[in-house]
N, C-alpha and C. Protein backbone atom coordinates (compact mmCIF):
# COMPACT_ATOMS: atom_id res chain seq x y z
N ALA A 1 11.12 16.76 -9.99
CA ALA A 1 11.52 16.52 -11.37
C ALA A 1 10.73 17.42 -12.31
N SER A 2 9.45 17.59 -12.05
CA SER A 2 8.63 18.47 -12.90
C SER A 2 9.13 19.90 -12.84
N ALA A 3 9.43 20.37 -11.65
CA ALA A 3 9.93 21.74 -11.50
C ALA A 3 11.26 21.92 -12.21
N LEU A 4 12.15 20.94 -12.06
CA LEU A 4 13.45 21.03 -12.73
C LEU A 4 13.31 21.00 -14.25
N LEU A 5 12.43 20.15 -14.76
CA LEU A 5 12.20 20.11 -16.21
C LEU A 5 11.64 21.43 -16.71
N THR A 6 10.75 22.04 -15.94
CA THR A 6 10.18 23.33 -16.32
C THR A 6 11.26 24.40 -16.38
N LEU A 7 12.15 24.39 -15.39
CA LEU A 7 13.24 25.37 -15.36
C LEU A 7 14.30 25.11 -16.42
N LEU A 8 14.56 23.85 -16.71
CA LEU A 8 15.68 23.49 -17.56
C LEU A 8 15.34 23.27 -19.03
N TRP A 9 14.07 23.40 -19.42
CA TRP A 9 13.71 23.11 -20.81
C TRP A 9 14.51 23.95 -21.80
N PRO A 10 14.83 25.23 -21.52
CA PRO A 10 15.65 25.96 -22.50
C PRO A 10 17.05 25.33 -22.67
N LEU A 11 17.63 24.84 -21.58
CA LEU A 11 18.92 24.15 -21.66
C LEU A 11 18.80 22.88 -22.50
N PHE A 12 17.70 22.14 -22.34
CA PHE A 12 17.48 20.93 -23.13
C PHE A 12 17.46 21.26 -24.62
N VAL A 13 16.80 22.35 -24.99
CA VAL A 13 16.71 22.75 -26.40
C VAL A 13 18.09 23.10 -26.94
N VAL A 14 18.86 23.85 -26.17
CA VAL A 14 20.21 24.24 -26.60
C VAL A 14 21.10 23.01 -26.74
N VAL A 15 21.08 22.13 -25.75
CA VAL A 15 21.91 20.92 -25.80
C VAL A 15 21.51 20.05 -27.00
N ALA A 16 20.22 19.89 -27.22
CA ALA A 16 19.76 19.09 -28.36
C ALA A 16 20.28 19.68 -29.67
N ALA A 17 20.21 21.00 -29.81
CA ALA A 17 20.70 21.65 -31.04
C ALA A 17 22.21 21.45 -31.19
N LEU A 18 22.95 21.58 -30.10
CA LEU A 18 24.41 21.40 -30.16
C LEU A 18 24.77 19.97 -30.54
N ILE A 19 24.06 19.00 -30.02
CA ILE A 19 24.33 17.60 -30.36
C ILE A 19 24.06 17.38 -31.85
N LYS A 20 22.95 17.92 -32.35
CA LYS A 20 22.60 17.75 -33.76
C LYS A 20 23.62 18.45 -34.67
N LEU A 21 24.11 19.61 -34.24
CA LEU A 21 25.10 20.33 -35.05
C LEU A 21 26.47 19.65 -35.03
N ASP A 22 26.77 18.97 -33.93
CA ASP A 22 28.09 18.35 -33.75
C ASP A 22 28.21 17.01 -34.49
N THR A 23 27.18 16.17 -34.40
CA THR A 23 27.25 14.83 -35.00
C THR A 23 25.87 14.40 -35.49
N ARG A 24 25.87 13.41 -36.36
CA ARG A 24 24.60 12.82 -36.81
C ARG A 24 24.14 11.80 -35.78
N GLY A 25 22.84 11.58 -35.76
CA GLY A 25 22.28 10.59 -34.86
C GLY A 25 21.27 11.20 -33.92
N PRO A 26 20.67 10.38 -33.08
CA PRO A 26 19.64 10.87 -32.16
C PRO A 26 20.24 11.75 -31.07
N VAL A 27 19.40 12.58 -30.49
CA VAL A 27 19.82 13.45 -29.39
C VAL A 27 19.92 12.66 -28.09
N LEU A 28 18.99 11.75 -27.91
CA LEU A 28 18.96 10.96 -26.68
C LEU A 28 19.52 9.56 -26.91
N PHE A 29 20.17 9.07 -25.88
CA PHE A 29 20.70 7.71 -25.85
C PHE A 29 19.90 6.95 -24.81
N ARG A 30 19.48 5.75 -25.16
CA ARG A 30 18.73 4.89 -24.23
C ARG A 30 19.54 3.64 -23.97
N GLN A 31 19.59 3.25 -22.71
CA GLN A 31 20.31 2.03 -22.37
C GLN A 31 19.53 1.28 -21.30
N THR A 32 19.42 -0.02 -21.46
CA THR A 32 18.74 -0.85 -20.48
C THR A 32 19.63 -1.00 -19.26
N ARG A 33 19.06 -0.69 -18.12
CA ARG A 33 19.73 -0.85 -16.83
C ARG A 33 18.74 -1.46 -15.86
N LEU A 34 19.23 -1.92 -14.74
CA LEU A 34 18.34 -2.52 -13.75
C LEU A 34 17.90 -1.47 -12.74
N GLY A 35 16.60 -1.44 -12.50
CA GLY A 35 16.03 -0.51 -11.55
C GLY A 35 15.61 -1.20 -10.27
N PHE A 36 14.58 -0.66 -9.64
CA PHE A 36 14.04 -1.20 -8.40
C PHE A 36 13.66 -2.66 -8.59
N ASN A 37 14.04 -3.50 -7.64
CA ASN A 37 13.78 -4.94 -7.67
C ASN A 37 14.33 -5.62 -8.93
N ASN A 38 15.43 -5.10 -9.44
CA ASN A 38 16.11 -5.66 -10.62
C ASN A 38 15.25 -5.66 -11.88
N GLU A 39 14.24 -4.78 -11.93
CA GLU A 39 13.41 -4.65 -13.14
C GLU A 39 14.16 -3.82 -14.17
N PRO A 40 14.17 -4.25 -15.43
CA PRO A 40 14.85 -3.46 -16.46
C PRO A 40 14.12 -2.15 -16.73
N ILE A 41 14.91 -1.08 -16.88
CA ILE A 41 14.37 0.22 -17.25
C ILE A 41 15.24 0.78 -18.39
N GLN A 42 14.67 1.67 -19.17
CA GLN A 42 15.40 2.35 -20.23
C GLN A 42 15.84 3.70 -19.71
N VAL A 43 17.12 3.82 -19.36
CA VAL A 43 17.66 5.07 -18.83
C VAL A 43 17.97 6.00 -19.99
N LEU A 44 17.58 7.26 -19.86
CA LEU A 44 17.79 8.26 -20.89
C LEU A 44 18.99 9.13 -20.56
N LYS A 45 19.75 9.48 -21.59
CA LYS A 45 20.87 10.42 -21.43
C LYS A 45 20.98 11.21 -22.73
N PHE A 46 21.54 12.41 -22.65
CA PHE A 46 21.91 13.09 -23.88
C PHE A 46 23.05 12.29 -24.51
N ARG A 47 22.98 12.07 -25.82
CA ARG A 47 24.01 11.29 -26.50
C ARG A 47 25.32 12.08 -26.51
N SER A 48 26.37 11.42 -26.04
CA SER A 48 27.67 12.07 -25.95
C SER A 48 28.76 11.31 -26.71
N MET A 49 28.36 10.23 -27.39
CA MET A 49 29.32 9.40 -28.13
C MET A 49 28.86 9.21 -29.57
N ASN A 50 29.80 8.91 -30.44
CA ASN A 50 29.52 8.62 -31.84
C ASN A 50 29.06 7.21 -32.07
N CYS A 51 29.56 6.28 -31.33
CA CYS A 51 29.49 4.85 -31.66
C CYS A 51 28.22 4.20 -31.12
N LEU A 52 27.08 4.48 -31.73
CA LEU A 52 25.82 3.93 -31.22
C LEU A 52 25.64 2.46 -31.54
N GLU A 53 26.13 2.00 -32.69
CA GLU A 53 25.93 0.59 -33.04
C GLU A 53 26.65 -0.32 -32.05
N GLU A 54 27.80 0.10 -31.55
CA GLU A 54 28.53 -0.69 -30.57
C GLU A 54 27.75 -0.76 -29.27
N ALA A 55 27.11 0.34 -28.89
CA ALA A 55 26.34 0.37 -27.66
C ALA A 55 25.16 -0.60 -27.73
N ARG A 56 24.60 -0.78 -28.92
CA ARG A 56 23.49 -1.72 -29.07
C ARG A 56 23.96 -3.16 -29.06
N ASP A 57 25.12 -3.41 -29.65
CA ASP A 57 25.60 -4.77 -29.83
C ASP A 57 26.33 -5.32 -28.60
N GLY A 58 26.98 -4.48 -27.86
CA GLY A 58 27.76 -4.96 -26.73
C GLY A 58 28.00 -3.84 -25.74
N PHE A 59 28.72 -4.17 -24.69
CA PHE A 59 28.96 -3.20 -23.64
C PHE A 59 30.44 -2.86 -23.58
N ARG A 60 30.72 -1.59 -23.60
CA ARG A 60 32.09 -1.11 -23.43
C ARG A 60 32.03 0.22 -22.71
N GLN A 61 32.60 0.28 -21.52
CA GLN A 61 32.59 1.50 -20.73
C GLN A 61 33.41 2.60 -21.39
N ALA A 62 33.02 3.82 -21.10
CA ALA A 62 33.83 4.96 -21.53
C ALA A 62 35.11 4.98 -20.71
N VAL A 63 36.21 5.32 -21.36
CA VAL A 63 37.51 5.40 -20.70
C VAL A 63 38.07 6.80 -20.91
N ARG A 64 39.07 7.15 -20.14
CA ARG A 64 39.71 8.46 -20.28
C ARG A 64 40.19 8.62 -21.73
N ASN A 65 39.94 9.79 -22.30
CA ASN A 65 40.29 10.11 -23.70
C ASN A 65 39.65 9.16 -24.70
N ASP A 66 38.46 8.69 -24.42
CA ASP A 66 37.75 7.76 -25.29
C ASP A 66 37.47 8.43 -26.64
N PRO A 67 37.89 7.83 -27.75
CA PRO A 67 37.70 8.45 -29.06
C PRO A 67 36.23 8.49 -29.49
N ARG A 68 35.37 7.74 -28.84
CA ARG A 68 33.94 7.75 -29.19
C ARG A 68 33.24 9.00 -28.68
N VAL A 69 33.79 9.67 -27.67
CA VAL A 69 33.14 10.84 -27.08
C VAL A 69 33.24 12.01 -28.05
N THR A 70 32.12 12.67 -28.30
CA THR A 70 32.07 13.80 -29.23
C THR A 70 32.60 15.06 -28.55
N ARG A 71 32.79 16.11 -29.35
CA ARG A 71 33.26 17.39 -28.78
C ARG A 71 32.28 17.92 -27.74
N ILE A 72 31.01 17.99 -28.10
CA ILE A 72 30.00 18.47 -27.14
C ILE A 72 29.82 17.45 -26.02
N GLY A 73 30.02 16.17 -26.34
CA GLY A 73 29.91 15.12 -25.32
C GLY A 73 30.89 15.27 -24.19
N ARG A 74 32.09 15.75 -24.49
CA ARG A 74 33.09 15.97 -23.42
C ARG A 74 32.57 16.96 -22.38
N VAL A 75 31.96 18.03 -22.87
CA VAL A 75 31.42 19.05 -21.97
C VAL A 75 30.22 18.49 -21.22
N LEU A 76 29.34 17.81 -21.92
CA LEU A 76 28.14 17.26 -21.28
C LEU A 76 28.51 16.28 -20.18
N ARG A 77 29.49 15.42 -20.42
CA ARG A 77 29.89 14.42 -19.44
C ARG A 77 30.61 15.06 -18.26
N ARG A 78 31.48 16.01 -18.52
CA ARG A 78 32.25 16.66 -17.46
C ARG A 78 31.34 17.44 -16.51
N THR A 79 30.24 17.99 -17.04
CA THR A 79 29.34 18.82 -16.23
C THR A 79 28.10 18.07 -15.74
N ASN A 80 27.98 16.79 -16.08
CA ASN A 80 26.83 15.94 -15.73
C ASN A 80 25.54 16.34 -16.46
N ILE A 81 25.62 17.25 -17.42
CA ILE A 81 24.43 17.66 -18.16
C ILE A 81 23.87 16.49 -18.96
N ASP A 82 24.73 15.55 -19.35
CA ASP A 82 24.25 14.40 -20.12
C ASP A 82 23.23 13.56 -19.35
N GLU A 83 23.23 13.69 -18.03
CA GLU A 83 22.32 12.90 -17.18
C GLU A 83 20.93 13.54 -17.02
N LEU A 84 20.76 14.80 -17.40
CA LEU A 84 19.51 15.51 -17.13
C LEU A 84 18.26 14.87 -17.73
N PRO A 85 18.32 14.22 -18.90
CA PRO A 85 17.10 13.56 -19.39
C PRO A 85 16.54 12.49 -18.44
N GLN A 86 17.34 12.07 -17.47
CA GLN A 86 16.85 11.10 -16.49
C GLN A 86 15.77 11.69 -15.60
N LEU A 87 15.59 13.01 -15.66
CA LEU A 87 14.44 13.61 -14.97
C LEU A 87 13.14 13.00 -15.50
N LEU A 88 13.14 12.62 -16.78
CA LEU A 88 11.97 11.94 -17.35
C LEU A 88 11.80 10.55 -16.73
N ASN A 89 12.92 9.86 -16.46
CA ASN A 89 12.85 8.57 -15.76
C ASN A 89 12.28 8.76 -14.36
N VAL A 90 12.65 9.88 -13.71
CA VAL A 90 12.12 10.17 -12.38
C VAL A 90 10.62 10.41 -12.47
N LEU A 91 10.18 11.20 -13.45
CA LEU A 91 8.74 11.46 -13.61
C LEU A 91 7.96 10.18 -13.88
N ARG A 92 8.55 9.24 -14.59
CA ARG A 92 7.88 7.96 -14.88
C ARG A 92 7.91 7.02 -13.69
N GLY A 93 8.59 7.40 -12.61
CA GLY A 93 8.63 6.58 -11.41
C GLY A 93 9.67 5.48 -11.45
N GLU A 94 10.56 5.49 -12.45
CA GLU A 94 11.58 4.45 -12.59
C GLU A 94 12.84 4.75 -11.80
N MET A 95 13.07 6.04 -11.53
CA MET A 95 14.27 6.47 -10.82
C MET A 95 13.89 7.53 -9.80
N SER A 96 14.84 7.81 -8.91
CA SER A 96 14.72 8.90 -7.95
C SER A 96 15.81 9.92 -8.27
N LEU A 97 15.72 11.09 -7.67
CA LEU A 97 16.81 12.05 -7.82
C LEU A 97 18.08 11.50 -7.20
N VAL A 98 17.93 10.83 -6.04
CA VAL A 98 19.09 10.29 -5.32
C VAL A 98 18.88 8.79 -5.09
N GLY A 99 19.95 8.05 -5.27
CA GLY A 99 19.93 6.61 -5.06
C GLY A 99 21.17 6.02 -5.71
N PRO A 100 21.37 4.74 -5.60
CA PRO A 100 22.51 4.13 -6.28
C PRO A 100 22.38 4.31 -7.79
N ARG A 101 23.45 4.76 -8.45
CA ARG A 101 23.43 4.94 -9.90
C ARG A 101 23.25 3.58 -10.57
N PRO A 102 22.35 3.48 -11.54
CA PRO A 102 22.17 2.20 -12.22
C PRO A 102 23.32 1.92 -13.19
N HIS A 103 23.76 0.68 -13.22
CA HIS A 103 24.81 0.27 -14.15
C HIS A 103 24.16 -0.41 -15.35
N ALA A 104 24.89 -0.47 -16.45
CA ALA A 104 24.43 -1.25 -17.60
C ALA A 104 24.26 -2.70 -17.14
N VAL A 105 23.28 -3.38 -17.70
CA VAL A 105 22.99 -4.76 -17.28
C VAL A 105 24.23 -5.64 -17.42
N ALA A 106 24.92 -5.52 -18.53
CA ALA A 106 26.14 -6.34 -18.74
C ALA A 106 27.19 -6.04 -17.68
N HIS A 107 27.26 -4.80 -17.26
CA HIS A 107 28.24 -4.41 -16.24
C HIS A 107 27.89 -5.05 -14.90
N ASN A 108 26.61 -5.06 -14.56
CA ASN A 108 26.18 -5.74 -13.33
C ASN A 108 26.60 -7.20 -13.35
N HIS A 109 26.37 -7.86 -14.47
CA HIS A 109 26.66 -9.29 -14.56
C HIS A 109 28.16 -9.59 -14.51
N MET A 110 28.98 -8.63 -14.93
CA MET A 110 30.43 -8.83 -14.87
C MET A 110 30.91 -9.07 -13.44
N PHE A 111 30.25 -8.42 -12.47
CA PHE A 111 30.71 -8.47 -11.09
C PHE A 111 29.77 -9.22 -10.15
N ALA A 112 28.63 -9.68 -10.65
CA ALA A 112 27.61 -10.29 -9.79
C ALA A 112 28.13 -11.48 -8.99
N ASP A 113 28.97 -12.29 -9.58
CA ASP A 113 29.48 -13.47 -8.87
C ASP A 113 30.58 -13.12 -7.88
N GLN A 114 31.23 -11.98 -8.07
CA GLN A 114 32.35 -11.60 -7.22
C GLN A 114 31.94 -10.76 -6.03
N ILE A 115 30.88 -9.96 -6.18
CA ILE A 115 30.44 -9.08 -5.09
C ILE A 115 29.10 -9.61 -4.60
N ARG A 116 29.17 -10.25 -3.47
CA ARG A 116 28.05 -11.02 -2.92
C ARG A 116 26.76 -10.22 -2.79
N ARG A 117 26.83 -9.01 -2.27
CA ARG A 117 25.61 -8.24 -1.97
C ARG A 117 25.28 -7.19 -3.03
N MET A 118 25.82 -7.35 -4.21
CA MET A 118 25.69 -6.32 -5.25
C MET A 118 24.24 -5.95 -5.57
N PHE A 119 23.39 -6.94 -5.72
CA PHE A 119 22.03 -6.65 -6.16
C PHE A 119 21.14 -6.11 -5.05
N ARG A 120 21.63 -6.09 -3.80
CA ARG A 120 20.86 -5.48 -2.71
C ARG A 120 20.70 -3.98 -2.93
N ARG A 121 21.58 -3.40 -3.75
CA ARG A 121 21.47 -1.98 -4.06
C ARG A 121 20.18 -1.68 -4.83
N HIS A 122 19.55 -2.71 -5.40
CA HIS A 122 18.31 -2.55 -6.15
C HIS A 122 17.08 -2.66 -5.26
N ASN A 123 17.28 -2.64 -3.94
CA ASN A 123 16.16 -2.62 -3.01
C ASN A 123 15.53 -1.23 -2.93
N VAL A 124 16.17 -0.26 -3.57
CA VAL A 124 15.64 1.09 -3.68
C VAL A 124 15.70 1.49 -5.15
N LYS A 125 14.98 2.55 -5.51
CA LYS A 125 15.05 3.02 -6.89
C LYS A 125 16.44 3.58 -7.16
N PRO A 126 16.94 3.39 -8.37
CA PRO A 126 18.22 3.99 -8.71
C PRO A 126 18.06 5.51 -8.79
N GLY A 127 19.18 6.21 -8.65
CA GLY A 127 19.13 7.66 -8.64
C GLY A 127 19.94 8.30 -9.75
N MET A 128 19.62 9.56 -9.99
CA MET A 128 20.40 10.35 -10.95
C MET A 128 21.78 10.65 -10.38
N THR A 129 21.85 10.75 -9.07
CA THR A 129 23.12 10.94 -8.37
C THR A 129 23.08 10.07 -7.12
N GLY A 130 24.24 9.84 -6.54
CA GLY A 130 24.26 8.97 -5.37
C GLY A 130 25.47 9.22 -4.49
N TRP A 131 25.50 8.53 -3.37
CA TRP A 131 26.56 8.67 -2.38
C TRP A 131 27.92 8.31 -2.98
N ALA A 132 27.97 7.28 -3.81
CA ALA A 132 29.23 6.89 -4.44
C ALA A 132 29.74 8.02 -5.35
N GLN A 133 28.86 8.62 -6.12
CA GLN A 133 29.27 9.65 -7.07
C GLN A 133 29.82 10.90 -6.38
N VAL A 134 29.18 11.33 -5.29
CA VAL A 134 29.67 12.53 -4.62
C VAL A 134 30.93 12.27 -3.81
N ASN A 135 31.32 11.00 -3.73
CA ASN A 135 32.58 10.64 -3.09
C ASN A 135 33.65 10.28 -4.11
N GLY A 136 33.45 10.71 -5.36
CA GLY A 136 34.47 10.54 -6.39
C GLY A 136 34.51 9.16 -7.04
N LEU A 137 33.51 8.35 -6.79
CA LEU A 137 33.50 6.99 -7.34
C LEU A 137 32.66 6.94 -8.62
N ARG A 138 33.09 7.71 -9.60
CA ARG A 138 32.45 7.75 -10.91
C ARG A 138 33.41 7.18 -11.92
N GLY A 139 32.95 7.14 -13.15
CA GLY A 139 33.83 6.74 -14.23
C GLY A 139 33.99 5.24 -14.33
N GLU A 140 35.04 4.87 -15.02
CA GLU A 140 35.29 3.47 -15.34
C GLU A 140 35.48 2.62 -14.08
N THR A 141 34.82 1.50 -14.05
CA THR A 141 35.02 0.51 -12.97
C THR A 141 35.56 -0.74 -13.63
N ASP A 142 36.83 -0.67 -13.99
CA ASP A 142 37.47 -1.76 -14.73
C ASP A 142 38.12 -2.79 -13.82
N THR A 143 38.10 -2.53 -12.51
CA THR A 143 38.69 -3.49 -11.58
C THR A 143 37.67 -3.88 -10.52
N PHE A 144 37.89 -5.02 -9.93
CA PHE A 144 37.04 -5.49 -8.83
C PHE A 144 37.03 -4.48 -7.69
N GLU A 145 38.20 -3.92 -7.35
CA GLU A 145 38.32 -3.00 -6.23
C GLU A 145 37.48 -1.73 -6.45
N LYS A 146 37.51 -1.20 -7.67
CA LYS A 146 36.72 0.01 -7.95
C LYS A 146 35.23 -0.27 -7.83
N MET A 147 34.79 -1.39 -8.37
CA MET A 147 33.37 -1.72 -8.29
C MET A 147 32.97 -2.03 -6.85
N GLN A 148 33.81 -2.72 -6.12
CA GLN A 148 33.49 -3.05 -4.73
C GLN A 148 33.33 -1.78 -3.89
N LYS A 149 34.21 -0.82 -4.09
CA LYS A 149 34.13 0.45 -3.36
C LYS A 149 32.82 1.18 -3.68
N ARG A 150 32.45 1.19 -4.97
CA ARG A 150 31.20 1.84 -5.38
C ARG A 150 30.01 1.14 -4.73
N ILE A 151 30.01 -0.18 -4.74
CA ILE A 151 28.90 -0.94 -4.15
C ILE A 151 28.82 -0.70 -2.65
N GLU A 152 29.97 -0.65 -1.97
CA GLU A 152 29.99 -0.35 -0.53
C GLU A 152 29.30 0.99 -0.25
N HIS A 153 29.59 2.00 -1.05
CA HIS A 153 28.95 3.31 -0.87
C HIS A 153 27.45 3.24 -1.17
N ASP A 154 27.08 2.49 -2.20
CA ASP A 154 25.66 2.33 -2.52
C ASP A 154 24.91 1.67 -1.37
N LEU A 155 25.50 0.63 -0.80
CA LEU A 155 24.84 -0.08 0.29
C LEU A 155 24.80 0.77 1.57
N TYR A 156 25.82 1.59 1.78
CA TYR A 156 25.78 2.53 2.90
C TYR A 156 24.57 3.46 2.74
N TYR A 157 24.37 3.93 1.52
CA TYR A 157 23.21 4.79 1.26
C TYR A 157 21.90 4.05 1.55
N VAL A 158 21.78 2.84 1.04
CA VAL A 158 20.55 2.04 1.24
C VAL A 158 20.28 1.86 2.73
N ASP A 159 21.32 1.56 3.51
CA ASP A 159 21.16 1.29 4.94
C ASP A 159 20.97 2.54 5.79
N ASN A 160 21.37 3.70 5.27
CA ASN A 160 21.33 4.93 6.08
C ASN A 160 20.48 6.03 5.46
N TRP A 161 19.57 5.67 4.59
CA TRP A 161 18.76 6.66 3.91
C TRP A 161 18.00 7.54 4.88
N SER A 162 17.94 8.83 4.56
CA SER A 162 17.05 9.77 5.23
C SER A 162 16.83 10.94 4.29
N PHE A 163 15.82 11.71 4.55
CA PHE A 163 15.54 12.89 3.73
C PHE A 163 16.74 13.84 3.75
N PHE A 164 17.34 14.03 4.92
CA PHE A 164 18.47 14.96 5.04
C PHE A 164 19.73 14.41 4.37
N PHE A 165 19.88 13.09 4.36
CA PHE A 165 21.00 12.46 3.64
C PHE A 165 20.83 12.74 2.13
N ASP A 166 19.60 12.61 1.62
CA ASP A 166 19.34 12.93 0.21
C ASP A 166 19.66 14.39 -0.08
N LEU A 167 19.25 15.30 0.81
CA LEU A 167 19.56 16.73 0.60
C LEU A 167 21.07 16.97 0.57
N LYS A 168 21.79 16.33 1.46
CA LYS A 168 23.24 16.47 1.50
C LYS A 168 23.85 16.00 0.17
N ILE A 169 23.38 14.87 -0.35
CA ILE A 169 23.90 14.35 -1.61
C ILE A 169 23.57 15.29 -2.77
N LEU A 170 22.34 15.82 -2.79
CA LEU A 170 21.96 16.75 -3.86
C LEU A 170 22.83 18.00 -3.84
N VAL A 171 23.07 18.55 -2.67
CA VAL A 171 23.92 19.75 -2.56
C VAL A 171 25.34 19.42 -3.00
N ARG A 172 25.87 18.30 -2.53
CA ARG A 172 27.24 17.92 -2.92
C ARG A 172 27.34 17.61 -4.41
N THR A 173 26.27 17.13 -5.01
CA THR A 173 26.27 16.88 -6.46
C THR A 173 26.52 18.18 -7.22
N VAL A 174 25.97 19.26 -6.73
CA VAL A 174 26.10 20.55 -7.42
C VAL A 174 27.42 21.23 -7.10
N ILE A 175 27.87 21.19 -5.84
CA ILE A 175 29.01 22.03 -5.46
C ILE A 175 30.33 21.30 -5.24
N SER A 176 30.30 19.99 -5.09
CA SER A 176 31.54 19.27 -4.75
C SER A 176 32.35 18.92 -5.99
N LYS A 177 33.66 19.16 -5.93
CA LYS A 177 34.55 18.77 -7.03
C LYS A 177 34.55 17.25 -7.22
N GLN A 178 34.41 16.50 -6.13
CA GLN A 178 34.43 15.04 -6.23
C GLN A 178 33.28 14.50 -7.08
N ALA A 179 32.15 15.23 -7.09
CA ALA A 179 31.01 14.77 -7.88
C ALA A 179 31.29 14.83 -9.37
N TYR A 180 32.31 15.59 -9.75
CA TYR A 180 32.65 15.74 -11.16
C TYR A 180 33.95 15.03 -11.53
N SER A 181 34.60 14.45 -10.54
CA SER A 181 35.87 13.76 -10.85
C SER A 181 35.59 12.46 -11.59
N ASN A 182 36.53 12.05 -12.38
CA ASN A 182 36.46 10.81 -13.16
C ASN A 182 35.31 10.80 -14.17
N ALA A 183 34.81 11.98 -14.55
CA ALA A 183 33.76 12.06 -15.57
C ALA A 183 34.42 12.25 -16.92
N TYR A 184 34.40 11.18 -17.71
CA TYR A 184 34.98 11.28 -19.04
C TYR A 184 34.25 10.37 -20.00
């Protein structure tokens, strides 16, 4: 994470300037999510939406053609650049580069009673990218089936973790089209 931050700091400066030029508000967005052992963490992202007061008051997932997404936010979300501030979460020890992606707390609770083993995914640190994401399971999880499929992939990762599995996921995060599908 330190090496990546050192390499990417010029990109961070450019993205921050573009966000400030595009819309008013903070450059970074913070959202409480559950980390290792279900401990709450503040996940950082580049802000890609206009509607910050709604994000504080309640939970509403981004949907395709969401009017809250800013012009620069569309590019940031499509390219996963909006996730890069999570390198700071990795440096703080709250996240890993690879692991199950953390969901908003309210989102976890929406499905907790329906998906029996959902919170077992928190037996490891959450990741900036994960097995579910590189298999195209990103974006809105508005149905039980979509969330169940994502959780199945997360638990597969938890049960089959290895250094080489992490390397495979990192490479696929960069080069696979599926890692970028459903990003809106």
